Amino acid sequence: MFITLEGIDRSGKTTQAALLAEALGPETLLLREPGGTEVGERIRALLKDPDLELRPGTELMLFAAARAELAGSVIVQATDAGRDVVCDRYVDSSAAYQGAAVGELFLDAPEHPGTAREIGIALIERLNTLLIGGCIPDLTVLVRVDPEAAARRGQQRVEAGGEDGGDRFEGRVVVVRSGSPGEKRRYVVRQGPSLVGPGARGREGADERD
């Protein structure tokens, strides 16, 4: 089974992904996006470089390139071999975070009526179809957390001398778009940060970067 976890910054999904992979067994493959391959990790470094100012279209293409490598080089082979795969972020993050930004670039064009987010998500869906084909999660868990609570978690980490858990390439409200009935069935919404079980390491104060 291929499972992805999505959520806003500091929602606890990274910790929950690790706990889920552990619960599924030692053969489970735990991945993150962007990343999971040599190409993906190099792209991740570019995206997180605070000295680089990237245009929305550039960011989208970098995410897409990393995802194409991850899907084609790792995920498909693992699932074909019968292994479970758990991934921290995947296609829905691009729809949520790059959807509006990319859509704004086309909003005034006559051939692209509608809202920026609608336009952006439509373009991202077409791009994903081209690059990853049928490598779609069997299940996507959307980890919900109060944004103010998430912000407090980030502040606690800073005060403790760590990073706040936020990524430069994130920062918009997650909007899950599910078009077909089949798409709707793959989404499950759970309250964070503790999803896997009591005493999970995803509780407040844990050293995580979600």
N, C-alpha and C. Protein backbone atom coordinates (compact mmCIF):
# COMPACT_ATOMS: atom_id res chain seq x y z
N MET A 1 0.84 -1.20 0.00
CA MET A 1 0.00 0.00 0.00
C MET A 1 0.88 1.25 0.00
N PHE A 2 0.45 2.26 -0.73
CA PHE A 2 1.15 3.54 -0.82
C PHE A 2 0.32 4.57 -0.06
N ILE A 3 0.87 5.09 1.04
CA ILE A 3 0.17 6.03 1.91
C ILE A 3 0.95 7.34 1.97
N THR A 4 0.25 8.45 1.85
CA THR A 4 0.88 9.76 2.00
C THR A 4 0.25 10.50 3.16
N LEU A 5 1.04 11.39 3.78
CA LEU A 5 0.54 12.26 4.84
C LEU A 5 0.71 13.70 4.43
N GLU A 6 -0.32 14.49 4.62
CA GLU A 6 -0.32 15.90 4.25
C GLU A 6 -0.77 16.73 5.44
N GLY A 7 -0.38 17.99 5.46
CA GLY A 7 -0.80 18.88 6.54
C GLY A 7 -0.01 20.16 6.49
N ILE A 8 -0.45 21.14 7.28
CA ILE A 8 0.25 22.42 7.31
C ILE A 8 1.57 22.26 8.05
N ASP A 9 2.41 23.30 7.99
CA ASP A 9 3.67 23.30 8.72
C ASP A 9 3.42 23.02 10.19
N ARG A 10 4.28 22.19 10.79
CA ARG A 10 4.27 21.90 12.23
C ARG A 10 3.02 21.16 12.67
N SER A 11 2.37 20.47 11.75
CA SER A 11 1.16 19.73 12.10
C SER A 11 1.48 18.39 12.75
N GLY A 12 2.72 17.94 12.67
CA GLY A 12 3.12 16.67 13.24
C GLY A 12 3.16 15.53 12.25
N LYS A 13 2.93 15.82 10.96
CA LYS A 13 2.83 14.74 9.98
C LYS A 13 4.16 14.00 9.77
N THR A 14 5.28 14.68 9.89
CA THR A 14 6.56 13.99 9.70
C THR A 14 6.78 12.93 10.77
N THR A 15 6.51 13.29 12.01
CA THR A 15 6.61 12.32 13.09
C THR A 15 5.60 11.20 12.90
N GLN A 16 4.38 11.54 12.52
CA GLN A 16 3.34 10.54 12.33
C GLN A 16 3.69 9.60 11.18
N ALA A 17 4.30 10.13 10.14
CA ALA A 17 4.72 9.28 9.02
C ALA A 17 5.74 8.24 9.50
N ALA A 18 6.68 8.68 10.32
CA ALA A 18 7.70 7.76 10.84
C ALA A 18 7.07 6.70 11.74
N LEU A 19 6.13 7.11 12.58
CA LEU A 19 5.46 6.16 13.47
C LEU A 19 4.62 5.16 12.68
N LEU A 20 3.96 5.65 11.64
CA LEU A 20 3.15 4.76 10.81
C LEU A 20 4.03 3.74 10.11
N ALA A 21 5.14 4.19 9.55
CA ALA A 21 6.07 3.26 8.88
C ALA A 21 6.58 2.21 9.85
N GLU A 22 6.87 2.63 11.08
CA GLU A 22 7.33 1.69 12.09
C GLU A 22 6.24 0.67 12.43
N ALA A 23 5.00 1.15 12.52
CA ALA A 23 3.90 0.26 12.87
C ALA A 23 3.60 -0.74 11.75
N LEU A 24 3.84 -0.36 10.50
CA LEU A 24 3.57 -1.25 9.38
C LEU A 24 4.61 -2.34 9.22
N GLY A 25 5.77 -2.16 9.82
CA GLY A 25 6.77 -3.23 9.78
C GLY A 25 8.08 -2.80 9.17
N PRO A 26 9.12 -3.59 9.38
CA PRO A 26 10.48 -3.22 8.97
C PRO A 26 10.68 -3.13 7.46
N GLU A 27 9.80 -3.76 6.69
CA GLU A 27 9.93 -3.70 5.23
C GLU A 27 9.31 -2.44 4.64
N THR A 28 8.65 -1.64 5.47
CA THR A 28 8.00 -0.42 4.99
C THR A 28 9.04 0.62 4.59
N LEU A 29 8.82 1.27 3.48
CA LEU A 29 9.73 2.30 2.97
C LEU A 29 9.20 3.67 3.37
N LEU A 30 9.99 4.44 4.11
CA LEU A 30 9.61 5.78 4.55
C LEU A 30 10.32 6.80 3.68
N LEU A 31 9.53 7.70 3.06
CA LEU A 31 10.08 8.69 2.14
C LEU A 31 9.59 10.09 2.52
N ARG A 32 10.25 11.09 1.96
CA ARG A 32 9.79 12.46 2.11
C ARG A 32 9.85 13.14 0.75
N GLU A 33 9.04 14.17 0.61
CA GLU A 33 9.06 14.92 -0.63
C GLU A 33 9.15 16.42 -0.37
N PRO A 34 9.99 17.14 -1.11
CA PRO A 34 10.91 16.60 -2.10
C PRO A 34 12.06 15.87 -1.43
N GLY A 35 12.56 14.84 -2.08
CA GLY A 35 13.65 14.05 -1.54
C GLY A 35 13.47 12.59 -1.91
N GLY A 36 14.13 11.73 -1.17
CA GLY A 36 13.99 10.29 -1.38
C GLY A 36 14.88 9.70 -2.45
N THR A 37 15.50 10.54 -3.25
CA THR A 37 16.48 10.13 -4.26
C THR A 37 17.61 11.15 -4.22
N GLU A 38 18.74 10.82 -4.85
CA GLU A 38 19.84 11.78 -4.88
C GLU A 38 19.42 13.06 -5.59
N VAL A 39 18.71 12.91 -6.71
CA VAL A 39 18.21 14.09 -7.43
C VAL A 39 17.25 14.88 -6.56
N GLY A 40 16.33 14.17 -5.91
CA GLY A 40 15.33 14.84 -5.09
C GLY A 40 15.94 15.60 -3.92
N GLU A 41 16.95 15.02 -3.29
CA GLU A 41 17.58 15.70 -2.16
C GLU A 41 18.34 16.94 -2.60
N ARG A 42 18.94 16.89 -3.77
CA ARG A 42 19.62 18.09 -4.28
C ARG A 42 18.61 19.19 -4.62
N ILE A 43 17.47 18.78 -5.18
CA ILE A 43 16.41 19.75 -5.46
C ILE A 43 15.88 20.34 -4.17
N ARG A 44 15.72 19.51 -3.15
CA ARG A 44 15.24 19.98 -1.85
C ARG A 44 16.17 21.07 -1.30
N ALA A 45 17.47 20.84 -1.44
CA ALA A 45 18.43 21.83 -0.96
C ALA A 45 18.26 23.17 -1.68
N LEU A 46 18.00 23.11 -2.97
CA LEU A 46 17.76 24.35 -3.73
C LEU A 46 16.50 25.06 -3.24
N LEU A 47 15.43 24.30 -3.04
CA LEU A 47 14.16 24.88 -2.63
C LEU A 47 14.23 25.50 -1.24
N LYS A 48 15.07 24.95 -0.38
CA LYS A 48 15.16 25.45 0.99
C LYS A 48 16.26 26.46 1.18
N ASP A 49 16.99 26.79 0.13
CA ASP A 49 18.09 27.75 0.23
C ASP A 49 17.52 29.16 0.43
N PRO A 50 17.72 29.79 1.59
CA PRO A 50 17.14 31.11 1.85
C PRO A 50 17.74 32.21 0.99
N ASP A 51 18.86 31.93 0.36
CA ASP A 51 19.51 32.96 -0.48
C ASP A 51 18.97 32.97 -1.91
N LEU A 52 18.10 32.00 -2.23
CA LEU A 52 17.55 31.93 -3.58
C LEU A 52 16.11 32.43 -3.61
N GLU A 53 15.81 33.28 -4.57
CA GLU A 53 14.44 33.75 -4.80
C GLU A 53 13.93 33.07 -6.06
N LEU A 54 13.03 32.13 -5.90
CA LEU A 54 12.52 31.35 -7.04
C LEU A 54 11.12 31.80 -7.41
N ARG A 55 10.88 31.90 -8.71
CA ARG A 55 9.54 32.22 -9.19
C ARG A 55 8.62 31.02 -8.97
N PRO A 56 7.30 31.26 -8.82
CA PRO A 56 6.37 30.15 -8.58
C PRO A 56 6.48 29.03 -9.63
N GLY A 57 6.62 29.41 -10.90
CA GLY A 57 6.73 28.40 -11.94
C GLY A 57 8.00 27.58 -11.81
N THR A 58 9.08 28.23 -11.39
CA THR A 58 10.34 27.52 -11.18
C THR A 58 10.21 26.53 -10.04
N GLU A 59 9.60 26.96 -8.93
CA GLU A 59 9.38 26.07 -7.80
C GLU A 59 8.54 24.86 -8.22
N LEU A 60 7.48 25.12 -8.97
CA LEU A 60 6.60 24.03 -9.39
C LEU A 60 7.36 22.99 -10.20
N MET A 61 8.19 23.45 -11.13
CA MET A 61 8.93 22.51 -11.97
C MET A 61 9.98 21.73 -11.18
N LEU A 62 10.58 22.38 -10.19
CA LEU A 62 11.54 21.67 -9.35
C LEU A 62 10.85 20.59 -8.52
N PHE A 63 9.70 20.93 -7.94
CA PHE A 63 8.93 19.93 -7.21
C PHE A 63 8.54 18.78 -8.13
N ALA A 64 8.09 19.11 -9.33
CA ALA A 64 7.65 18.08 -10.28
C ALA A 64 8.80 17.17 -10.68
N ALA A 65 9.98 17.75 -10.88
CA ALA A 65 11.14 16.94 -11.26
C ALA A 65 11.51 15.98 -10.13
N ALA A 66 11.51 16.48 -8.90
CA ALA A 66 11.82 15.62 -7.75
C ALA A 66 10.79 14.51 -7.62
N ARG A 67 9.51 14.83 -7.83
CA ARG A 67 8.43 13.83 -7.71
C ARG A 67 8.53 12.78 -8.81
N ALA A 68 8.87 13.19 -10.01
CA ALA A 68 9.00 12.24 -11.11
C ALA A 68 10.10 11.22 -10.81
N GLU A 69 11.22 11.70 -10.26
CA GLU A 69 12.31 10.80 -9.88
C GLU A 69 11.87 9.84 -8.78
N LEU A 70 11.19 10.38 -7.78
CA LEU A 70 10.77 9.56 -6.64
C LEU A 70 9.78 8.49 -7.07
N ALA A 71 8.79 8.90 -7.86
CA ALA A 71 7.76 7.95 -8.30
C ALA A 71 8.35 6.86 -9.19
N GLY A 72 9.13 7.29 -10.21
CA GLY A 72 9.63 6.34 -11.18
C GLY A 72 10.77 5.48 -10.69
N SER A 73 11.61 6.03 -9.81
CA SER A 73 12.82 5.31 -9.39
C SER A 73 12.65 4.54 -8.08
N VAL A 74 11.66 4.93 -7.26
CA VAL A 74 11.57 4.33 -5.93
C VAL A 74 10.19 3.74 -5.64
N ILE A 75 9.14 4.58 -5.73
CA ILE A 75 7.82 4.15 -5.26
C ILE A 75 7.27 2.99 -6.06
N VAL A 76 7.30 3.09 -7.40
CA VAL A 76 6.74 2.04 -8.24
C VAL A 76 7.45 0.71 -8.00
N GLN A 77 8.78 0.74 -7.92
CA GLN A 77 9.53 -0.49 -7.69
C GLN A 77 9.18 -1.11 -6.33
N ALA A 78 9.03 -0.26 -5.32
CA ALA A 78 8.73 -0.77 -3.98
C ALA A 78 7.34 -1.41 -3.93
N THR A 79 6.34 -0.73 -4.46
CA THR A 79 4.99 -1.28 -4.41
C THR A 79 4.86 -2.52 -5.29
N ASP A 80 5.56 -2.54 -6.43
CA ASP A 80 5.55 -3.73 -7.28
C ASP A 80 6.17 -4.93 -6.56
N ALA A 81 7.09 -4.66 -5.65
CA ALA A 81 7.73 -5.73 -4.88
C ALA A 81 6.92 -6.12 -3.65
N GLY A 82 5.77 -5.48 -3.47
CA GLY A 82 4.91 -5.82 -2.35
C GLY A 82 5.20 -5.09 -1.06
N ARG A 83 6.03 -4.05 -1.12
CA ARG A 83 6.36 -3.29 0.08
C ARG A 83 5.37 -2.16 0.30
N ASP A 84 5.10 -1.85 1.57
CA ASP A 84 4.31 -0.66 1.90
C ASP A 84 5.22 0.56 1.79
N VAL A 85 4.64 1.68 1.34
CA VAL A 85 5.38 2.93 1.21
C VAL A 85 4.63 4.03 1.94
N VAL A 86 5.31 4.77 2.79
CA VAL A 86 4.76 5.91 3.50
C VAL A 86 5.56 7.14 3.08
N CYS A 87 4.88 8.18 2.61
CA CYS A 87 5.58 9.37 2.12
C CYS A 87 5.06 10.62 2.81
N ASP A 88 5.97 11.41 3.34
CA ASP A 88 5.68 12.70 3.96
C ASP A 88 5.58 13.74 2.85
N ARG A 89 4.35 14.07 2.47
CA ARG A 89 3.97 14.97 1.38
C ARG A 89 4.08 14.26 0.03
N TYR A 90 3.19 14.72 -0.89
CA TYR A 90 3.22 14.20 -2.26
C TYR A 90 2.42 15.18 -3.13
N VAL A 91 1.61 14.69 -4.04
CA VAL A 91 0.97 15.55 -5.03
C VAL A 91 0.06 16.61 -4.43
N ASP A 92 -0.60 16.31 -3.32
CA ASP A 92 -1.55 17.27 -2.75
C ASP A 92 -0.87 18.52 -2.21
N SER A 93 0.38 18.40 -1.79
CA SER A 93 1.09 19.58 -1.32
C SER A 93 1.30 20.59 -2.44
N SER A 94 1.63 20.09 -3.64
CA SER A 94 1.80 21.01 -4.77
C SER A 94 0.50 21.70 -5.10
N ALA A 95 -0.61 20.95 -5.06
CA ALA A 95 -1.92 21.55 -5.35
C ALA A 95 -2.22 22.65 -4.34
N ALA A 96 -1.91 22.40 -3.06
CA ALA A 96 -2.23 23.36 -2.01
C ALA A 96 -1.29 24.56 -2.02
N TYR A 97 0.01 24.31 -2.14
CA TYR A 97 0.99 25.36 -1.94
C TYR A 97 1.38 26.11 -3.21
N GLN A 98 1.46 25.42 -4.33
CA GLN A 98 1.80 26.10 -5.57
C GLN A 98 0.57 26.44 -6.41
N GLY A 99 -0.59 25.86 -6.06
CA GLY A 99 -1.79 26.04 -6.88
C GLY A 99 -2.15 27.49 -7.11
N ALA A 100 -2.28 28.25 -6.03
CA ALA A 100 -2.67 29.65 -6.16
C ALA A 100 -1.57 30.48 -6.79
N ALA A 101 -0.32 30.25 -6.35
CA ALA A 101 0.80 31.05 -6.84
C ALA A 101 0.98 30.92 -8.35
N VAL A 102 0.90 29.69 -8.84
CA VAL A 102 1.05 29.48 -10.29
C VAL A 102 -0.17 30.00 -11.02
N GLY A 103 -1.36 29.78 -10.44
CA GLY A 103 -2.58 30.25 -11.08
C GLY A 103 -2.61 31.75 -11.29
N GLU A 104 -2.02 32.49 -10.35
CA GLU A 104 -2.00 33.95 -10.46
C GLU A 104 -1.25 34.41 -11.71
N LEU A 105 -0.29 33.61 -12.16
CA LEU A 105 0.49 33.99 -13.34
C LEU A 105 -0.37 33.97 -14.60
N PHE A 106 -1.46 33.19 -14.59
CA PHE A 106 -2.29 33.01 -15.78
C PHE A 106 -3.67 33.66 -15.64
N LEU A 107 -3.96 34.26 -14.50
CA LEU A 107 -5.32 34.69 -14.19
C LEU A 107 -5.86 35.69 -15.21
N ASP A 108 -5.03 36.55 -15.73
CA ASP A 108 -5.50 37.59 -16.65
C ASP A 108 -5.56 37.12 -18.10
N ALA A 109 -5.11 35.93 -18.38
CA ALA A 109 -5.12 35.42 -19.76
C ALA A 109 -6.53 35.02 -20.15
N PRO A 110 -7.01 35.43 -21.34
CA PRO A 110 -8.39 35.13 -21.76
C PRO A 110 -8.69 33.64 -21.78
N GLU A 111 -7.70 32.82 -22.10
CA GLU A 111 -7.95 31.38 -22.19
C GLU A 111 -7.98 30.70 -20.83
N HIS A 112 -7.77 31.46 -19.74
CA HIS A 112 -7.77 30.88 -18.39
C HIS A 112 -8.73 31.64 -17.49
N PRO A 113 -10.04 31.47 -17.68
CA PRO A 113 -10.99 32.11 -16.78
C PRO A 113 -11.04 31.39 -15.44
N GLY A 114 -11.61 32.05 -14.42
CA GLY A 114 -11.75 31.41 -13.13
C GLY A 114 -10.82 32.02 -12.10
N THR A 115 -10.68 31.33 -10.98
CA THR A 115 -9.85 31.84 -9.89
C THR A 115 -8.43 31.34 -10.04
N ALA A 116 -7.53 32.02 -9.37
CA ALA A 116 -6.11 31.65 -9.44
C ALA A 116 -5.90 30.22 -8.94
N ARG A 117 -6.54 29.88 -7.83
CA ARG A 117 -6.34 28.53 -7.27
C ARG A 117 -6.87 27.47 -8.23
N GLU A 118 -8.06 27.69 -8.80
CA GLU A 118 -8.61 26.71 -9.74
C GLU A 118 -7.68 26.51 -10.93
N ILE A 119 -7.17 27.61 -11.46
CA ILE A 119 -6.27 27.53 -12.61
C ILE A 119 -4.99 26.79 -12.23
N GLY A 120 -4.42 27.17 -11.09
CA GLY A 120 -3.17 26.55 -10.67
C GLY A 120 -3.30 25.06 -10.42
N ILE A 121 -4.38 24.66 -9.75
CA ILE A 121 -4.57 23.24 -9.46
C ILE A 121 -4.77 22.46 -10.75
N ALA A 122 -5.52 23.01 -11.70
CA ALA A 122 -5.74 22.32 -12.97
C ALA A 122 -4.41 22.09 -13.70
N LEU A 123 -3.56 23.09 -13.71
CA LEU A 123 -2.25 22.94 -14.36
C LEU A 123 -1.38 21.91 -13.65
N ILE A 124 -1.41 21.93 -12.33
CA ILE A 124 -0.60 20.99 -11.56
C ILE A 124 -1.08 19.57 -11.77
N GLU A 125 -2.39 19.37 -11.83
CA GLU A 125 -2.93 18.03 -12.07
C GLU A 125 -2.48 17.50 -13.43
N ARG A 126 -2.51 18.35 -14.44
CA ARG A 126 -2.07 17.92 -15.77
C ARG A 126 -0.59 17.58 -15.76
N LEU A 127 0.20 18.38 -15.07
CA LEU A 127 1.64 18.12 -14.99
C LEU A 127 1.92 16.80 -14.27
N ASN A 128 1.22 16.57 -13.15
CA ASN A 128 1.41 15.33 -12.42
C ASN A 128 1.01 14.12 -13.25
N THR A 129 -0.08 14.24 -14.00
CA THR A 129 -0.50 13.13 -14.86
C THR A 129 0.58 12.78 -15.87
N LEU A 130 1.22 13.80 -16.41
CA LEU A 130 2.28 13.59 -17.40
C LEU A 130 3.49 12.92 -16.78
N LEU A 131 3.86 13.33 -15.55
CA LEU A 131 5.13 12.91 -14.97
C LEU A 131 5.06 11.65 -14.11
N ILE A 132 3.95 11.43 -13.42
CA ILE A 132 3.90 10.27 -12.52
C ILE A 132 2.87 9.24 -12.95
N GLY A 133 2.06 9.54 -13.94
CA GLY A 133 1.10 8.57 -14.45
C GLY A 133 0.18 8.04 -13.36
N GLY A 134 0.20 6.73 -13.16
CA GLY A 134 -0.69 6.11 -12.19
C GLY A 134 -0.10 5.94 -10.81
N CYS A 135 1.01 6.57 -10.53
CA CYS A 135 1.64 6.45 -9.21
C CYS A 135 0.94 7.38 -8.21
N ILE A 136 -0.29 7.00 -7.87
CA ILE A 136 -1.14 7.79 -6.99
C ILE A 136 -1.32 7.04 -5.68
N PRO A 137 -1.36 7.74 -4.54
CA PRO A 137 -1.51 7.05 -3.26
C PRO A 137 -2.79 6.23 -3.18
N ASP A 138 -2.71 5.11 -2.46
CA ASP A 138 -3.91 4.35 -2.14
C ASP A 138 -4.69 5.03 -1.02
N LEU A 139 -3.96 5.75 -0.17
CA LEU A 139 -4.58 6.43 0.97
C LEU A 139 -3.79 7.69 1.27
N THR A 140 -4.50 8.80 1.48
CA THR A 140 -3.87 10.05 1.89
C THR A 140 -4.48 10.49 3.21
N VAL A 141 -3.64 10.68 4.23
CA VAL A 141 -4.09 11.13 5.54
C VAL A 141 -3.78 12.62 5.66
N LEU A 142 -4.83 13.41 5.82
CA LEU A 142 -4.66 14.85 6.03
C LEU A 142 -4.65 15.10 7.53
N VAL A 143 -3.49 15.52 8.04
CA VAL A 143 -3.33 15.76 9.48
C VAL A 143 -3.78 17.18 9.78
N ARG A 144 -4.85 17.31 10.52
CA ARG A 144 -5.39 18.63 10.85
C ARG A 144 -4.90 19.07 12.22
N VAL A 145 -4.56 20.33 12.30
CA VAL A 145 -4.14 20.91 13.57
C VAL A 145 -4.50 22.39 13.53
N ASP A 146 -4.83 22.95 14.68
CA ASP A 146 -5.14 24.36 14.75
C ASP A 146 -3.91 25.18 14.37
N PRO A 147 -4.03 26.11 13.42
CA PRO A 147 -2.85 26.88 12.98
C PRO A 147 -2.15 27.61 14.11
N GLU A 148 -2.91 28.11 15.09
CA GLU A 148 -2.28 28.80 16.20
C GLU A 148 -1.47 27.84 17.05
N ALA A 149 -1.98 26.62 17.24
CA ALA A 149 -1.24 25.61 17.99
C ALA A 149 0.04 25.23 17.24
N ALA A 150 -0.06 25.13 15.92
CA ALA A 150 1.12 24.81 15.12
C ALA A 150 2.17 25.91 15.24
N ALA A 151 1.71 27.16 15.22
CA ALA A 151 2.65 28.28 15.36
C ALA A 151 3.33 28.26 16.72
N ARG A 152 2.58 27.89 17.77
CA ARG A 152 3.18 27.79 19.11
C ARG A 152 4.23 26.70 19.16
N ARG A 153 3.99 25.61 18.49
CA ARG A 153 4.98 24.53 18.45
C ARG A 153 6.27 25.03 17.81
N GLY A 154 6.13 25.79 16.72
CA GLY A 154 7.31 26.34 16.06
C GLY A 154 8.07 27.29 16.96
N GLN A 155 7.33 28.14 17.71
CA GLN A 155 7.97 29.08 18.61
C GLN A 155 8.70 28.36 19.74
N GLN A 156 8.09 27.28 20.24
CA GLN A 156 8.74 26.50 21.30
C GLN A 156 10.06 25.91 20.81
N ARG A 157 10.09 25.49 19.56
CA ARG A 157 11.33 24.92 19.02
C ARG A 157 12.41 25.98 18.91
N VAL A 158 12.01 27.18 18.46
CA VAL A 158 12.98 28.27 18.35
C VAL A 158 13.55 28.61 19.72
N GLU A 159 12.67 28.69 20.73
CA GLU A 159 13.12 29.02 22.08
C GLU A 159 14.03 27.95 22.65
N ALA A 160 13.85 26.70 22.18
CA ALA A 160 14.69 25.60 22.64
C ALA A 160 15.99 25.50 21.85
N GLY A 161 16.18 26.42 20.90
CA GLY A 161 17.42 26.44 20.14
C GLY A 161 17.38 25.66 18.85
N GLY A 162 16.20 25.20 18.45
CA GLY A 162 16.07 24.44 17.21
C GLY A 162 15.45 25.28 16.11
N GLU A 163 15.04 24.59 15.03
CA GLU A 163 14.35 25.25 13.92
C GLU A 163 12.86 25.24 14.20
N ASP A 164 12.13 26.16 13.55
CA ASP A 164 10.71 26.27 13.86
C ASP A 164 9.86 25.24 13.15
N GLY A 165 10.46 24.43 12.26
CA GLY A 165 9.70 23.39 11.58
C GLY A 165 9.02 23.85 10.31
N GLY A 166 9.11 25.13 9.98
CA GLY A 166 8.49 25.63 8.76
C GLY A 166 9.45 25.58 7.60
N ASP A 167 8.91 25.35 6.42
CA ASP A 167 9.73 25.33 5.23
C ASP A 167 9.48 26.58 4.41
N ARG A 168 10.52 27.08 3.79
CA ARG A 168 10.42 28.29 2.97
C ARG A 168 9.38 28.14 1.88
N PHE A 169 9.21 26.92 1.35
CA PHE A 169 8.32 26.72 0.22
C PHE A 169 6.90 26.37 0.64
N GLU A 170 6.56 26.56 1.92
CA GLU A 170 5.21 26.30 2.39
C GLU A 170 4.64 27.56 3.00
N GLY A 171 3.33 27.54 3.28
CA GLY A 171 2.78 28.68 3.97
C GLY A 171 1.36 29.02 3.60
N ARG A 172 0.70 28.23 2.79
CA ARG A 172 -0.70 28.48 2.46
C ARG A 172 -1.58 27.45 3.13
N VAL A 173 -2.84 27.79 3.28
CA VAL A 173 -3.79 26.83 3.85
C VAL A 173 -3.93 25.65 2.90
N VAL A 174 -3.92 24.44 3.46
CA VAL A 174 -4.06 23.25 2.64
C VAL A 174 -5.50 23.13 2.14
N VAL A 175 -5.67 23.00 0.85
CA VAL A 175 -6.98 22.78 0.25
C VAL A 175 -6.90 21.49 -0.54
N VAL A 176 -7.61 20.46 -0.10
CA VAL A 176 -7.59 19.18 -0.78
C VAL A 176 -8.67 19.16 -1.84
N ARG A 177 -8.27 18.96 -3.07
CA ARG A 177 -9.22 18.89 -4.17
C ARG A 177 -9.36 17.43 -4.58
N SER A 178 -10.57 16.94 -4.60
CA SER A 178 -10.82 15.56 -5.01
C SER A 178 -11.92 15.56 -6.05
N GLY A 179 -11.55 15.29 -7.28
CA GLY A 179 -12.50 15.40 -8.38
C GLY A 179 -13.41 14.20 -8.53
N SER A 180 -12.85 13.05 -8.87
CA SER A 180 -13.66 11.87 -9.12
C SER A 180 -14.03 11.18 -7.83
N PRO A 181 -15.08 10.33 -7.84
CA PRO A 181 -15.42 9.57 -6.64
C PRO A 181 -14.25 8.74 -6.12
N GLY A 182 -13.44 8.18 -7.03
CA GLY A 182 -12.28 7.42 -6.62
C GLY A 182 -11.27 8.26 -5.87
N GLU A 183 -11.11 9.51 -6.32
CA GLU A 183 -10.19 10.40 -5.63
C GLU A 183 -10.68 10.69 -4.22
N LYS A 184 -11.99 10.92 -4.06
CA LYS A 184 -12.53 11.25 -2.75
C LYS A 184 -12.31 10.12 -1.76
N ARG A 185 -12.34 8.90 -2.23
CA ARG A 185 -12.22 7.76 -1.32
C ARG A 185 -10.82 7.60 -0.77
N ARG A 186 -9.81 8.21 -1.39
CA ARG A 186 -8.46 8.00 -0.88
C ARG A 186 -8.10 8.96 0.25
N TYR A 187 -8.96 9.90 0.60
CA TYR A 187 -8.65 10.87 1.64
C TYR A 187 -9.26 10.49 2.98
N VAL A 188 -8.43 10.61 4.04
CA VAL A 188 -8.89 10.44 5.41
C VAL A 188 -8.37 11.63 6.20
N VAL A 189 -9.22 12.26 7.00
CA VAL A 189 -8.83 13.42 7.80
C VAL A 189 -8.71 12.98 9.25
N ARG A 190 -7.58 13.28 9.87
CA ARG A 190 -7.34 12.93 11.26
C ARG A 190 -6.78 14.14 11.99
N GLN A 191 -7.12 14.25 13.28
CA GLN A 191 -6.63 15.35 14.09
C GLN A 191 -5.22 15.05 14.56
N GLY A 192 -4.29 16.00 14.43
CA GLY A 192 -2.93 15.81 14.90
C GLY A 192 -2.75 16.42 16.28
N PRO A 193 -1.56 16.24 16.89
CA PRO A 193 -0.42 15.58 16.30
C PRO A 193 -0.30 14.09 16.60
N SER A 194 -1.13 13.53 17.49
CA SER A 194 -0.93 12.14 17.89
C SER A 194 -1.97 11.24 17.24
N LEU A 195 -1.59 10.56 16.14
CA LEU A 195 -2.53 9.77 15.37
C LEU A 195 -2.31 8.28 15.53
N VAL A 196 -1.08 7.87 15.68
CA VAL A 196 -0.77 6.45 15.62
C VAL A 196 -1.14 5.73 16.90
N GLY A 197 -0.98 6.38 18.04
CA GLY A 197 -1.34 5.72 19.28
C GLY A 197 -0.92 6.53 20.48
N PRO A 198 -1.33 6.11 21.69
CA PRO A 198 -0.97 6.83 22.91
C PRO A 198 0.53 6.83 23.11
N GLY A 199 1.03 7.96 23.62
CA GLY A 199 2.47 8.05 23.89
C GLY A 199 3.30 8.23 22.66
N ALA A 200 2.68 8.56 21.52
CA ALA A 200 3.43 8.72 20.29
C ALA A 200 4.42 9.87 20.42
N ARG A 201 5.51 9.77 19.67
CA ARG A 201 6.55 10.78 19.76
C ARG A 201 6.13 12.09 19.14
N GLY A 202 4.93 12.18 18.54
CA GLY A 202 4.49 13.41 17.90
C GLY A 202 3.89 14.40 18.86
N ARG A 203 3.98 14.18 20.19
CA ARG A 203 3.36 15.09 21.13
C ARG A 203 4.15 16.39 21.17
N GLU A 204 3.55 17.41 21.82
CA GLU A 204 4.17 18.71 21.91
C GLU A 204 5.57 18.58 22.50
N GLY A 205 6.51 19.35 21.95
CA GLY A 205 7.85 19.38 22.47
C GLY A 205 8.79 18.38 21.83
N ALA A 206 8.27 17.49 20.99
CA ALA A 206 9.14 16.51 20.35
C ALA A 206 10.08 17.21 19.38
N ASP A 207 11.24 16.61 19.20
CA ASP A 207 12.23 17.18 18.29
C ASP A 207 11.95 16.69 16.89
N GLU A 208 11.11 17.43 16.16
CA GLU A 208 10.71 17.01 14.83
C GLU A 208 10.69 18.22 13.91
N ARG A 209 10.74 17.97 12.63
CA ARG A 209 10.63 19.06 11.65
C ARG A 209 9.52 18.66 10.70
N ASP A 210 8.30 19.14 11.00
CA ASP A 210 7.12 18.69 10.27
C ASP A 210 6.67 19.78 9.32
